[in-house]
Amino acid sequence: MEQFAHISVQETQQKLITENVKVVDIRDEASFQNGHIVDSIHLTNGTLNSFIAAVDFDTPVVVVCYHGHSSQQAAQFLIHQGFETVYSMDGGFEAWRKDMPFETAKDE
């Protein structure tokens, strides 16, 4: 069975620059509004079906949560849905926000 892979904040940043990756953020609505990776998709139970329908299964997906724990379960779930390359970002958004740019809902 396929498995997701772990990815660092720095590797995620590099993939955003060099590859066509989709970043999905599974945190709650308020946390997402207060700050998220630029161009990330807020993935919730309500948006899951449209995400699966809109994104090709061969597009790499990076799953982001708070600290890198919940994203592992979500990454495995996306593998089960048919996505070929799925990453769980170690450290989650809390690690990202220390060194990397992010946007808030007010920026959009």
PDB file of N, CA and C in Angstrom:
ATOM      1  N   MET A   1       0.851  -1.189   0.000  1.00  0.00           N
ATOM      2  CA  MET A   1       0.000   0.000   0.000  1.00  0.00           C
ATOM      3  C   MET A   1       0.892   1.245   0.000  1.00  0.00           C
ATOM      4  N   GLU A   2       0.416   2.253  -0.686  1.00  0.00           N
ATOM      5  CA  GLU A   2       1.157   3.516  -0.747  1.00  0.00           C
ATOM      6  C   GLU A   2       1.142   4.202   0.615  1.00  0.00           C
ATOM      7  N   GLN A   3       2.181   4.955   0.851  1.00  0.00           N
ATOM      8  CA  GLN A   3       2.299   5.726   2.083  1.00  0.00           C
ATOM      9  C   GLN A   3       2.587   7.180   1.741  1.00  0.00           C
ATOM     10  N   PHE A   4       2.196   8.064   2.629  1.00  0.00           N
ATOM     11  CA  PHE A   4       2.589   9.456   2.490  1.00  0.00           C
ATOM     12  C   PHE A   4       4.039   9.590   2.948  1.00  0.00           C
ATOM     13  N   ALA A   5       4.650  10.715   2.646  1.00  0.00           N
ATOM     14  CA  ALA A   5       6.027  10.986   3.068  1.00  0.00           C
ATOM     15  C   ALA A   5       6.047  12.220   3.960  1.00  0.00           C
ATOM     16  N   HIS A   6       7.024  12.261   4.839  1.00  0.00           N
ATOM     17  CA  HIS A   6       7.223  13.459   5.665  1.00  0.00           C
ATOM     18  C   HIS A   6       8.036  14.469   4.870  1.00  0.00           C
ATOM     19  N   ILE A   7       7.740  15.743   5.092  1.00  0.00           N
ATOM     20  CA  ILE A   7       8.442  16.805   4.386  1.00  0.00           C
ATOM     21  C   ILE A   7       8.681  17.947   5.367  1.00  0.00           C
ATOM     22  N   SER A   8       9.825  18.596   5.245  1.00  0.00           N
ATOM     23  CA  SER A   8      10.141  19.716   6.141  1.00  0.00           C
ATOM     24  C   SER A   8       9.528  21.010   5.606  1.00  0.00           C
ATOM     25  N   VAL A   9       9.532  22.029   6.450  1.00  0.00           N
ATOM     26  CA  VAL A   9       9.081  23.360   6.038  1.00  0.00           C
ATOM     27  C   VAL A   9       9.914  23.831   4.841  1.00  0.00           C
ATOM     28  N   GLN A  10      11.225  23.655   4.928  1.00  0.00           N
ATOM     29  CA  GLN A  10      12.108  24.117   3.853  1.00  0.00           C
ATOM     30  C   GLN A  10      11.851  23.356   2.546  1.00  0.00           C
ATOM     31  N   GLU A  11      11.625  22.045   2.646  1.00  0.00           N
ATOM     32  CA  GLU A  11      11.327  21.258   1.446  1.00  0.00           C
ATOM     33  C   GLU A  11       9.988  21.681   0.839  1.00  0.00           C
ATOM     34  N   THR A  12       9.029  21.998   1.696  1.00  0.00           N
ATOM     35  CA  THR A  12       7.731  22.480   1.211  1.00  0.00           C
ATOM     36  C   THR A  12       7.909  23.783   0.453  1.00  0.00           C
ATOM     37  N   GLN A  13       8.666  24.712   1.030  1.00  0.00           N
ATOM     38  CA  GLN A  13       8.920  25.996   0.375  1.00  0.00           C
ATOM     39  C   GLN A  13       9.570  25.774  -0.992  1.00  0.00           C
ATOM     40  N   GLN A  14      10.529  24.873  -1.050  1.00  0.00           N
ATOM     41  CA  GLN A  14      11.225  24.599  -2.314  1.00  0.00           C
ATOM     42  C   GLN A  14      10.259  24.025  -3.349  1.00  0.00           C
ATOM     43  N   LYS A  15       9.398  23.114  -2.929  1.00  0.00           N
ATOM     44  CA  LYS A  15       8.432  22.520  -3.862  1.00  0.00           C
ATOM     45  C   LYS A  15       7.442  23.565  -4.370  1.00  0.00           C
ATOM     46  N   LEU A  16       7.069  24.510  -3.511  1.00  0.00           N
ATOM     47  CA  LEU A  16       6.166  25.575  -3.944  1.00  0.00           C
ATOM     48  C   LEU A  16       6.809  26.423  -5.037  1.00  0.00           C
ATOM     49  N   ILE A  17       8.112  26.565  -4.973  1.00  0.00           N
ATOM     50  CA  ILE A  17       8.826  27.370  -5.961  1.00  0.00           C
ATOM     51  C   ILE A  17       9.049  26.594  -7.255  1.00  0.00           C
ATOM     52  N   THR A  18       9.381  25.313  -7.138  1.00  0.00           N
ATOM     53  CA  THR A  18       9.862  24.564  -8.299  1.00  0.00           C
ATOM     54  C   THR A  18       8.861  23.586  -8.892  1.00  0.00           C
ATOM     55  N   GLU A  19       7.807  23.260  -8.172  1.00  0.00           N
ATOM     56  CA  GLU A  19       6.859  22.246  -8.647  1.00  0.00           C
ATOM     57  C   GLU A  19       5.421  22.763  -8.550  1.00  0.00           C
ATOM     58  N   ASN A  20       4.545  22.059  -9.218  1.00  0.00           N
ATOM     59  CA  ASN A  20       3.121  22.361  -9.131  1.00  0.00           C
ATOM     60  C   ASN A  20       2.526  21.535  -7.996  1.00  0.00           C
ATOM     61  N   VAL A  21       2.725  21.998  -6.757  1.00  0.00           N
ATOM     62  CA  VAL A  21       2.161  21.290  -5.614  1.00  0.00           C
ATOM     63  C   VAL A  21       0.957  22.053  -5.089  1.00  0.00           C
ATOM     64  N   LYS A  22       0.053  21.322  -4.464  1.00  0.00           N
ATOM     65  CA  LYS A  22      -1.081  21.926  -3.774  1.00  0.00           C
ATOM     66  C   LYS A  22      -0.847  21.763  -2.279  1.00  0.00           C
ATOM     67  N   VAL A  23      -0.985  22.845  -1.546  1.00  0.00           N
ATOM     68  CA  VAL A  23      -0.895  22.791  -0.088  1.00  0.00           C
ATOM     69  C   VAL A  23      -2.312  22.859   0.454  1.00  0.00           C
ATOM     70  N   VAL A  24      -2.663  21.872   1.275  1.00  0.00           N
ATOM     71  CA  VAL A  24      -3.980  21.878   1.913  1.00  0.00           C
ATOM     72  C   VAL A  24      -3.792  22.023   3.418  1.00  0.00           C
ATOM     73  N   ASP A  25      -4.584  22.890   4.002  1.00  0.00           N
ATOM     74  CA  ASP A  25      -4.506  23.220   5.417  1.00  0.00           C
ATOM     75  C   ASP A  25      -5.759  22.666   6.080  1.00  0.00           C
ATOM     76  N   ILE A  26      -5.579  21.790   7.073  1.00  0.00           N
ATOM     77  CA  ILE A  26      -6.734  21.125   7.688  1.00  0.00           C
ATOM     78  C   ILE A  26      -7.089  21.704   9.064  1.00  0.00           C
ATOM     79  N   ARG A  27      -6.497  22.844   9.406  1.00  0.00           N
ATOM     80  CA  ARG A  27      -6.814  23.455  10.701  1.00  0.00           C
ATOM     81  C   ARG A  27      -8.234  24.054  10.684  1.00  0.00           C
ATOM     82  N   ASP A  28      -8.701  24.465  11.845  1.00  0.00           N
ATOM     83  CA  ASP A  28     -10.050  25.028  11.928  1.00  0.00           C
ATOM     84  C   ASP A  28     -10.133  26.374  11.207  1.00  0.00           C
ATOM     85  N   GLU A  29     -11.335  26.813  10.961  1.00  0.00           N
ATOM     86  CA  GLU A  29     -11.589  28.013  10.168  1.00  0.00           C
ATOM     87  C   GLU A  29     -10.897  29.249  10.734  1.00  0.00           C
ATOM     88  N   ALA A  30     -11.024  29.475  12.036  1.00  0.00           N
ATOM     89  CA  ALA A  30     -10.432  30.677  12.636  1.00  0.00           C
ATOM     90  C   ALA A  30      -8.912  30.668  12.500  1.00  0.00           C
ATOM     91  N   SER A  31      -8.293  29.521  12.721  1.00  0.00           N
ATOM     92  CA  SER A  31      -6.833  29.423  12.589  1.00  0.00           C
ATOM     93  C   SER A  31      -6.404  29.696  11.156  1.00  0.00           C
ATOM     94  N   PHE A  32      -7.155  29.136  10.203  1.00  0.00           N
ATOM     95  CA  PHE A  32      -6.838  29.354   8.791  1.00  0.00           C
ATOM     96  C   PHE A  32      -6.971  30.830   8.435  1.00  0.00           C
ATOM     97  N   GLN A  33      -8.031  31.475   8.913  1.00  0.00           N
ATOM     98  CA  GLN A  33      -8.252  32.899   8.623  1.00  0.00           C
ATOM     99  C   GLN A  33      -7.141  33.762   9.213  1.00  0.00           C
ATOM    100  N   ASN A  34      -6.630  33.370  10.362  1.00  0.00           N
ATOM    101  CA  ASN A  34      -5.604  34.162  11.047  1.00  0.00           C
ATOM    102  C   ASN A  34      -4.224  34.017  10.422  1.00  0.00           C
ATOM    103  N   GLY A  35      -4.027  33.008   9.614  1.00  0.00           N
ATOM    104  CA  GLY A  35      -2.752  32.850   8.936  1.00  0.00           C
ATOM    105  C   GLY A  35      -2.630  31.501   8.267  1.00  0.00           C
ATOM    106  N   HIS A  36      -2.189  31.511   7.005  1.00  0.00           N
ATOM    107  CA  HIS A  36      -1.993  30.264   6.267  1.00  0.00           C
ATOM    108  C   HIS A  36      -0.955  30.488   5.175  1.00  0.00           C
ATOM    109  N   ILE A  37      -0.434  29.388   4.668  1.00  0.00           N
ATOM    110  CA  ILE A  37       0.546  29.454   3.599  1.00  0.00           C
ATOM    111  C   ILE A  37      -0.117  30.062   2.371  1.00  0.00           C
ATOM    112  N   VAL A  38       0.576  30.951   1.706  1.00  0.00           N
ATOM    113  CA  VAL A  38       0.041  31.629   0.522  1.00  0.00           C
ATOM    114  C   VAL A  38      -0.444  30.588  -0.492  1.00  0.00           C
ATOM    115  N   ASP A  39      -1.641  30.801  -1.003  1.00  0.00           N
ATOM    116  CA  ASP A  39      -2.286  29.939  -2.000  1.00  0.00           C
ATOM    117  C   ASP A  39      -2.675  28.563  -1.485  1.00  0.00           C
ATOM    118  N   SER A  40      -2.612  28.350  -0.173  1.00  0.00           N
ATOM    119  CA  SER A  40      -3.046  27.043   0.335  1.00  0.00           C
ATOM    120  C   SER A  40      -4.574  26.955   0.287  1.00  0.00           C
ATOM    121  N   ILE A  41      -5.050  25.740   0.280  1.00  0.00           N
ATOM    122  CA  ILE A  41      -6.482  25.452   0.217  1.00  0.00           C
ATOM    123  C   ILE A  41      -6.936  25.001   1.596  1.00  0.00           C
ATOM    124  N   HIS A  42      -8.019  25.609   2.100  1.00  0.00           N
ATOM    125  CA  HIS A  42      -8.555  25.174   3.389  1.00  0.00           C
ATOM    126  C   HIS A  42      -9.377  23.917   3.145  1.00  0.00           C
ATOM    127  N   LEU A  43      -8.850  22.794   3.599  1.00  0.00           N
ATOM    128  CA  LEU A  43      -9.505  21.498   3.364  1.00  0.00           C
ATOM    129  C   LEU A  43     -10.309  21.120   4.597  1.00  0.00           C
ATOM    130  N   THR A  44     -11.619  21.036   4.405  1.00  0.00           N
ATOM    131  CA  THR A  44     -12.535  20.669   5.486  1.00  0.00           C
ATOM    132  C   THR A  44     -13.440  19.558   4.978  1.00  0.00           C
ATOM    133  N   ASN A  45     -14.259  19.017   5.858  1.00  0.00           N
ATOM    134  CA  ASN A  45     -15.231  18.021   5.408  1.00  0.00           C
ATOM    135  C   ASN A  45     -16.126  18.606   4.317  1.00  0.00           C
ATOM    136  N   GLY A  46     -16.382  19.910   4.394  1.00  0.00           N
ATOM    137  CA  GLY A  46     -17.244  20.562   3.414  1.00  0.00           C
ATOM    138  C   GLY A  46     -16.584  20.812   2.073  1.00  0.00           C
ATOM    139  N   THR A  47     -15.254  20.930   2.036  1.00  0.00           N
ATOM    140  CA  THR A  47     -14.561  21.227   0.779  1.00  0.00           C
ATOM    141  C   THR A  47     -13.855  20.012   0.190  1.00  0.00           C
ATOM    142  N   LEU A  48     -13.873  18.896   0.905  1.00  0.00           N
ATOM    143  CA  LEU A  48     -13.122  17.716   0.475  1.00  0.00           C
ATOM    144  C   LEU A  48     -13.551  17.200  -0.895  1.00  0.00           C
ATOM    145  N   ASN A  49     -14.838  17.046  -1.105  1.00  0.00           N
ATOM    146  CA  ASN A  49     -15.299  16.481  -2.379  1.00  0.00           C
ATOM    147  C   ASN A  49     -14.940  17.367  -3.561  1.00  0.00           C
ATOM    148  N   SER A  50     -15.074  18.683  -3.405  1.00  0.00           N
ATOM    149  CA  SER A  50     -14.734  19.569  -4.516  1.00  0.00           C
ATOM    150  C   SER A  50     -13.222  19.567  -4.754  1.00  0.00           C
ATOM    151  N   PHE A  51     -12.425  19.439  -3.695  1.00  0.00           N
ATOM    152  CA  PHE A  51     -10.969  19.349  -3.860  1.00  0.00           C
ATOM    153  C   PHE A  51     -10.599  18.098  -4.650  1.00  0.00           C
ATOM    154  N   ILE A  52     -11.171  16.967  -4.257  1.00  0.00           N
ATOM    155  CA  ILE A  52     -10.880  15.702  -4.947  1.00  0.00           C
ATOM    156  C   ILE A  52     -11.302  15.788  -6.408  1.00  0.00           C
ATOM    157  N   ALA A  53     -12.430  16.440  -6.669  1.00  0.00           N
ATOM    158  CA  ALA A  53     -12.908  16.556  -8.052  1.00  0.00           C
ATOM    159  C   ALA A  53     -12.052  17.511  -8.877  1.00  0.00           C
ATOM    160  N   ALA A  54     -11.459  18.521  -8.238  1.00  0.00           N
ATOM    161  CA  ALA A  54     -10.763  19.581  -8.972  1.00  0.00           C
ATOM    162  C   ALA A  54      -9.275  19.316  -9.193  1.00  0.00           C
ATOM    163  N   VAL A  55      -8.662  18.497  -8.346  1.00  0.00           N
ATOM    164  CA  VAL A  55      -7.207  18.324  -8.382  1.00  0.00           C
ATOM    165  C   VAL A  55      -6.865  16.956  -8.959  1.00  0.00           C
ATOM    166  N   ASP A  56      -5.966  16.950  -9.933  1.00  0.00           N
ATOM    167  CA  ASP A  56      -5.528  15.690 -10.529  1.00  0.00           C
ATOM    168  C   ASP A  56      -4.819  14.844  -9.489  1.00  0.00           C
ATOM    169  N   PHE A  57      -5.026  13.528  -9.575  1.00  0.00           N
ATOM    170  CA  PHE A  57      -4.426  12.618  -8.599  1.00  0.00           C
ATOM    171  C   PHE A  57      -2.906  12.558  -8.713  1.00  0.00           C
ATOM    172  N   ASP A  58      -2.349  13.007  -9.835  1.00  0.00           N
ATOM    173  CA  ASP A  58      -0.888  12.999  -9.954  1.00  0.00           C
ATOM    174  C   ASP A  58      -0.250  14.317  -9.500  1.00  0.00           C
ATOM    175  N   THR A  59      -1.070  15.262  -9.023  1.00  0.00           N
ATOM    176  CA  THR A  59      -0.547  16.513  -8.465  1.00  0.00           C
ATOM    177  C   THR A  59      -0.070  16.248  -7.035  1.00  0.00           C
ATOM    178  N   PRO A  60       1.176  16.576  -6.712  1.00  0.00           N
ATOM    179  CA  PRO A  60       1.639  16.385  -5.329  1.00  0.00           C
ATOM    180  C   PRO A  60       0.856  17.280  -4.363  1.00  0.00           C
ATOM    181  N   VAL A  61       0.522  16.719  -3.204  1.00  0.00           N
ATOM    182  CA  VAL A  61      -0.247  17.436  -2.188  1.00  0.00           C
ATOM    183  C   VAL A  61       0.552  17.451  -0.888  1.00  0.00           C
ATOM    184  N   VAL A  62       0.652  18.635  -0.270  1.00  0.00           N
ATOM    185  CA  VAL A  62       1.285  18.779   1.044  1.00  0.00           C
ATOM    186  C   VAL A  62       0.185  19.116   2.044  1.00  0.00           C
ATOM    187  N   VAL A  63       0.039  18.289   3.081  1.00  0.00           N
ATOM    188  CA  VAL A  63      -0.978  18.515   4.101  1.00  0.00           C
ATOM    189  C   VAL A  63      -0.350  19.221   5.299  1.00  0.00           C
ATOM    190  N   VAL A  64      -1.016  20.296   5.738  1.00  0.00           N
ATOM    191  CA  VAL A  64      -0.527  21.109   6.853  1.00  0.00           C
ATOM    192  C   VAL A  64      -1.590  21.144   7.944  1.00  0.00           C
ATOM    193  N   CYS A  65      -1.145  20.955   9.192  1.00  0.00           N
ATOM    194  CA  CYS A  65      -2.047  21.117  10.334  1.00  0.00           C
ATOM    195  C   CYS A  65      -1.368  22.060  11.324  1.00  0.00           C
ATOM    196  N   TYR A  66      -1.653  21.935  12.609  1.00  0.00           N
ATOM    197  CA  TYR A  66      -1.058  22.824  13.608  1.00  0.00           C
ATOM    198  C   TYR A  66       0.423  22.512  13.853  1.00  0.00           C
ATOM    199  N   HIS A  67       0.701  21.250  14.198  1.00  0.00           N
ATOM    200  CA  HIS A  67       2.052  20.874  14.615  1.00  0.00           C
ATOM    201  C   HIS A  67       2.612  19.675  13.846  1.00  0.00           C
ATOM    202  N   GLY A  68       1.892  19.180  12.847  1.00  0.00           N
ATOM    203  CA  GLY A  68       2.399  18.070  12.057  1.00  0.00           C
ATOM    204  C   GLY A  68       1.934  16.702  12.493  1.00  0.00           C
ATOM    205  N   HIS A  69       0.911  16.642  13.344  1.00  0.00           N
ATOM    206  CA  HIS A  69       0.408  15.345  13.802  1.00  0.00           C
ATOM    207  C   HIS A  69      -0.858  14.932  13.044  1.00  0.00           C
ATOM    208  N   SER A  70      -1.891  15.777  13.091  1.00  0.00           N
ATOM    209  CA  SER A  70      -3.154  15.467  12.406  1.00  0.00           C
ATOM    210  C   SER A  70      -2.959  15.330  10.908  1.00  0.00           C
ATOM    211  N   SER A  71      -1.987  16.056  10.367  1.00  0.00           N
ATOM    212  CA  SER A  71      -1.756  16.014   8.922  1.00  0.00           C
ATOM    213  C   SER A  71      -1.340  14.628   8.456  1.00  0.00           C
ATOM    214  N   GLN A  72      -0.748  13.838   9.341  1.00  0.00           N
ATOM    215  CA  GLN A  72      -0.335  12.490   8.948  1.00  0.00           C
ATOM    216  C   GLN A  72      -1.554  11.621   8.624  1.00  0.00           C
ATOM    217  N   GLN A  73      -2.590  11.711   9.449  1.00  0.00           N
ATOM    218  CA  GLN A  73      -3.817  10.946   9.191  1.00  0.00           C
ATOM    219  C   GLN A  73      -4.505  11.446   7.925  1.00  0.00           C
ATOM    220  N   ALA A  74      -4.534  12.764   7.754  1.00  0.00           N
ATOM    221  CA  ALA A  74      -5.173  13.331   6.561  1.00  0.00           C
ATOM    222  C   ALA A  74      -4.393  12.956   5.306  1.00  0.00           C
ATOM    223  N   ALA A  75      -3.058  12.945   5.392  1.00  0.00           N
ATOM    224  CA  ALA A  75      -2.238  12.564   4.251  1.00  0.00           C
ATOM    225  C   ALA A  75      -2.510  11.117   3.858  1.00  0.00           C
ATOM    226  N   GLN A  76      -2.601  10.247   4.835  1.00  0.00           N
ATOM    227  CA  GLN A  76      -2.887   8.839   4.541  1.00  0.00           C
ATOM    228  C   GLN A  76      -4.278   8.709   3.924  1.00  0.00           C
ATOM    229  N   PHE A  77      -5.228   9.481   4.408  1.00  0.00           N
ATOM    230  CA  PHE A  77      -6.572   9.473   3.835  1.00  0.00           C
ATOM    231  C   PHE A  77      -6.531   9.854   2.354  1.00  0.00           C
ATOM    232  N   LEU A  78      -5.774  10.905   2.014  1.00  0.00           N
ATOM    233  CA  LEU A  78      -5.692  11.335   0.616  1.00  0.00           C
ATOM    234  C   LEU A  78      -5.031  10.268  -0.260  1.00  0.00           C
ATOM    235  N   ILE A  79      -4.056   9.556   0.288  1.00  0.00           N
ATOM    236  CA  ILE A  79      -3.460   8.427  -0.442  1.00  0.00           C
ATOM    237  C   ILE A  79      -4.558   7.401  -0.755  1.00  0.00           C
ATOM    238  N   HIS A  80      -5.389   7.098   0.230  1.00  0.00           N
ATOM    239  CA  HIS A  80      -6.486   6.137   0.029  1.00  0.00           C
ATOM    240  C   HIS A  80      -7.488   6.620  -1.007  1.00  0.00           C
ATOM    241  N   GLN A  81      -7.613   7.943  -1.167  1.00  0.00           N
ATOM    242  CA  GLN A  81      -8.544   8.487  -2.155  1.00  0.00           C
ATOM    243  C   GLN A  81      -7.989   8.395  -3.575  1.00  0.00           C
ATOM    244  N   GLY A  82      -6.682   8.116  -3.693  1.00  0.00           N
ATOM    245  CA  GLY A  82      -6.109   7.950  -5.011  1.00  0.00           C
ATOM    246  C   GLY A  82      -5.001   8.923  -5.371  1.00  0.00           C
ATOM    247  N   PHE A  83      -4.692   9.873  -4.483  1.00  0.00           N
ATOM    248  CA  PHE A  83      -3.595  10.791  -4.767  1.00  0.00           C
ATOM    249  C   PHE A  83      -2.273  10.025  -4.718  1.00  0.00           C
ATOM    250  N   GLU A  84      -1.414  10.282  -5.700  1.00  0.00           N
ATOM    251  CA  GLU A  84      -0.200   9.494  -5.855  1.00  0.00           C
ATOM    252  C   GLU A  84       0.941   9.949  -4.964  1.00  0.00           C
ATOM    253  N   THR A  85       1.085  11.259  -4.764  1.00  0.00           N
ATOM    254  CA  THR A  85       2.190  11.800  -3.977  1.00  0.00           C
ATOM    255  C   THR A  85       1.630  12.751  -2.935  1.00  0.00           C
ATOM    256  N   VAL A  86       1.692  12.336  -1.674  1.00  0.00           N
ATOM    257  CA  VAL A  86       1.147  13.140  -0.587  1.00  0.00           C
ATOM    258  C   VAL A  86       2.202  13.256   0.513  1.00  0.00           C
ATOM    259  N   TYR A  87       2.354  14.481   1.033  1.00  0.00           N
ATOM    260  CA  TYR A  87       3.316  14.754   2.092  1.00  0.00           C
ATOM    261  C   TYR A  87       2.593  15.289   3.322  1.00  0.00           C
ATOM    262  N   SER A  88       3.130  14.984   4.481  1.00  0.00           N
ATOM    263  CA  SER A  88       2.713  15.605   5.732  1.00  0.00           C
ATOM    264  C   SER A  88       3.849  16.519   6.163  1.00  0.00           C
ATOM    265  N   MET A  89       3.554  17.819   6.313  1.00  0.00           N
ATOM    266  CA  MET A  89       4.610  18.766   6.655  1.00  0.00           C
ATOM    267  C   MET A  89       4.926  18.718   8.145  1.00  0.00           C
ATOM    268  N   ASP A  90       6.147  18.298   8.457  1.00  0.00           N
ATOM    269  CA  ASP A  90       6.582  18.203   9.847  1.00  0.00           C
ATOM    270  C   ASP A  90       6.589  19.576  10.506  1.00  0.00           C
ATOM    271  N   GLY A  91       6.087  19.630  11.739  1.00  0.00           N
ATOM    272  CA  GLY A  91       6.054  20.881  12.483  1.00  0.00           C
ATOM    273  C   GLY A  91       4.810  21.706  12.244  1.00  0.00           C
ATOM    274  N   GLY A  92       4.083  21.410  11.165  1.00  0.00           N
ATOM    275  CA  GLY A  92       2.838  22.100  10.875  1.00  0.00           C
ATOM    276  C   GLY A  92       3.003  23.599  10.646  1.00  0.00           C
ATOM    277  N   PHE A  93       1.875  24.295  10.676  1.00  0.00           N
ATOM    278  CA  PHE A  93       1.897  25.734  10.409  1.00  0.00           C
ATOM    279  C   PHE A  93       2.689  26.493  11.479  1.00  0.00           C
ATOM    280  N   GLU A  94       2.714  25.970  12.694  1.00  0.00           N
ATOM    281  CA  GLU A  94       3.468  26.652  13.749  1.00  0.00           C
ATOM    282  C   GLU A  94       4.953  26.717  13.394  1.00  0.00           C
ATOM    283  N   ALA A  95       5.485  25.679  12.765  1.00  0.00           N
ATOM    284  CA  ALA A  95       6.881  25.704  12.318  1.00  0.00           C
ATOM    285  C   ALA A  95       7.033  26.620  11.106  1.00  0.00           C
ATOM    286  N   TRP A  96       6.063  26.585  10.196  1.00  0.00           N
ATOM    287  CA  TRP A  96       6.126  27.420   8.987  1.00  0.00           C
ATOM    288  C   TRP A  96       6.176  28.907   9.345  1.00  0.00           C
ATOM    289  N   ARG A  97       5.293  29.327  10.241  1.00  0.00           N
ATOM    290  CA  ARG A  97       5.135  30.763  10.508  1.00  0.00           C
ATOM    291  C   ARG A  97       6.375  31.376  11.147  1.00  0.00           C
ATOM    292  N   LYS A  98       7.263  30.573  11.703  1.00  0.00           N
ATOM    293  CA  LYS A  98       8.486  31.110  12.327  1.00  0.00           C
ATOM    294  C   LYS A  98       9.443  31.679  11.286  1.00  0.00           C
ATOM    295  N   ASP A  99       9.517  31.050  10.116  1.00  0.00           N
ATOM    296  CA  ASP A  99      10.537  31.415   9.130  1.00  0.00           C
ATOM    297  C   ASP A  99      10.003  31.791   7.756  1.00  0.00           C
ATOM    298  N   MET A 100       8.773  31.484   7.471  1.00  0.00           N
ATOM    299  CA  MET A 100       8.263  31.600   6.105  1.00  0.00           C
ATOM    300  C   MET A 100       7.128  32.618   6.009  1.00  0.00           C
ATOM    301  N   PRO A 101       6.928  33.176   4.813  1.00  0.00           N
ATOM    302  CA  PRO A 101       5.826  34.123   4.629  1.00  0.00           C
ATOM    303  C   PRO A 101       4.477  33.412   4.664  1.00  0.00           C
ATOM    304  N   PHE A 102       3.490  34.116   5.161  1.00  0.00           N
ATOM    305  CA  PHE A 102       2.122  33.586   5.142  1.00  0.00           C
ATOM    306  C   PHE A 102       1.169  34.747   5.005  1.00  0.00           C
ATOM    307  N   GLU A 103      -0.075  34.426   4.709  1.00  0.00           N
ATOM    308  CA  GLU A 103      -1.081  35.458   4.548  1.00  0.00           C
ATOM    309  C   GLU A 103      -2.232  35.196   5.507  1.00  0.00           C
ATOM    310  N   THR A 104      -3.010  36.237   5.749  1.00  0.00           N
ATOM    311  CA  THR A 104      -4.223  36.102   6.544  1.00  0.00           C
ATOM    312  C   THR A 104      -5.409  36.361   5.624  1.00  0.00           C
ATOM    313  N   ALA A 105      -6.580  36.075   6.133  1.00  0.00           N
ATOM    314  CA  ALA A 105      -7.785  36.301   5.334  1.00  0.00           C
ATOM    315  C   ALA A 105      -7.902  37.782   4.958  1.00  0.00           C
ATOM    316  N   LYS A 106      -7.385  38.667   5.791  1.00  0.00           N
ATOM    317  CA  LYS A 106      -7.451  40.095   5.512  1.00  0.00           C
ATOM    318  C   LYS A 106      -6.575  40.493   4.322  1.00  0.00           C
ATOM    319  N   ASP A 107      -5.550  39.679   4.029  1.00  0.00           N
ATOM    320  CA  ASP A 107      -4.642  39.965   2.923  1.00  0.00           C
ATOM    321  C   ASP A 107      -5.254  39.624   1.557  1.00  0.00           C
ATOM    322  N   GLU A 108      -6.237  38.755   1.580  1.00  0.00           N
ATOM    323  CA  GLU A 108      -6.743  38.220   0.298  1.00  0.00           C
ATOM    324  C   GLU A 108      -7.743  39.148  -0.346  1.00  0.00           C
TER     325      GLU A 108
END
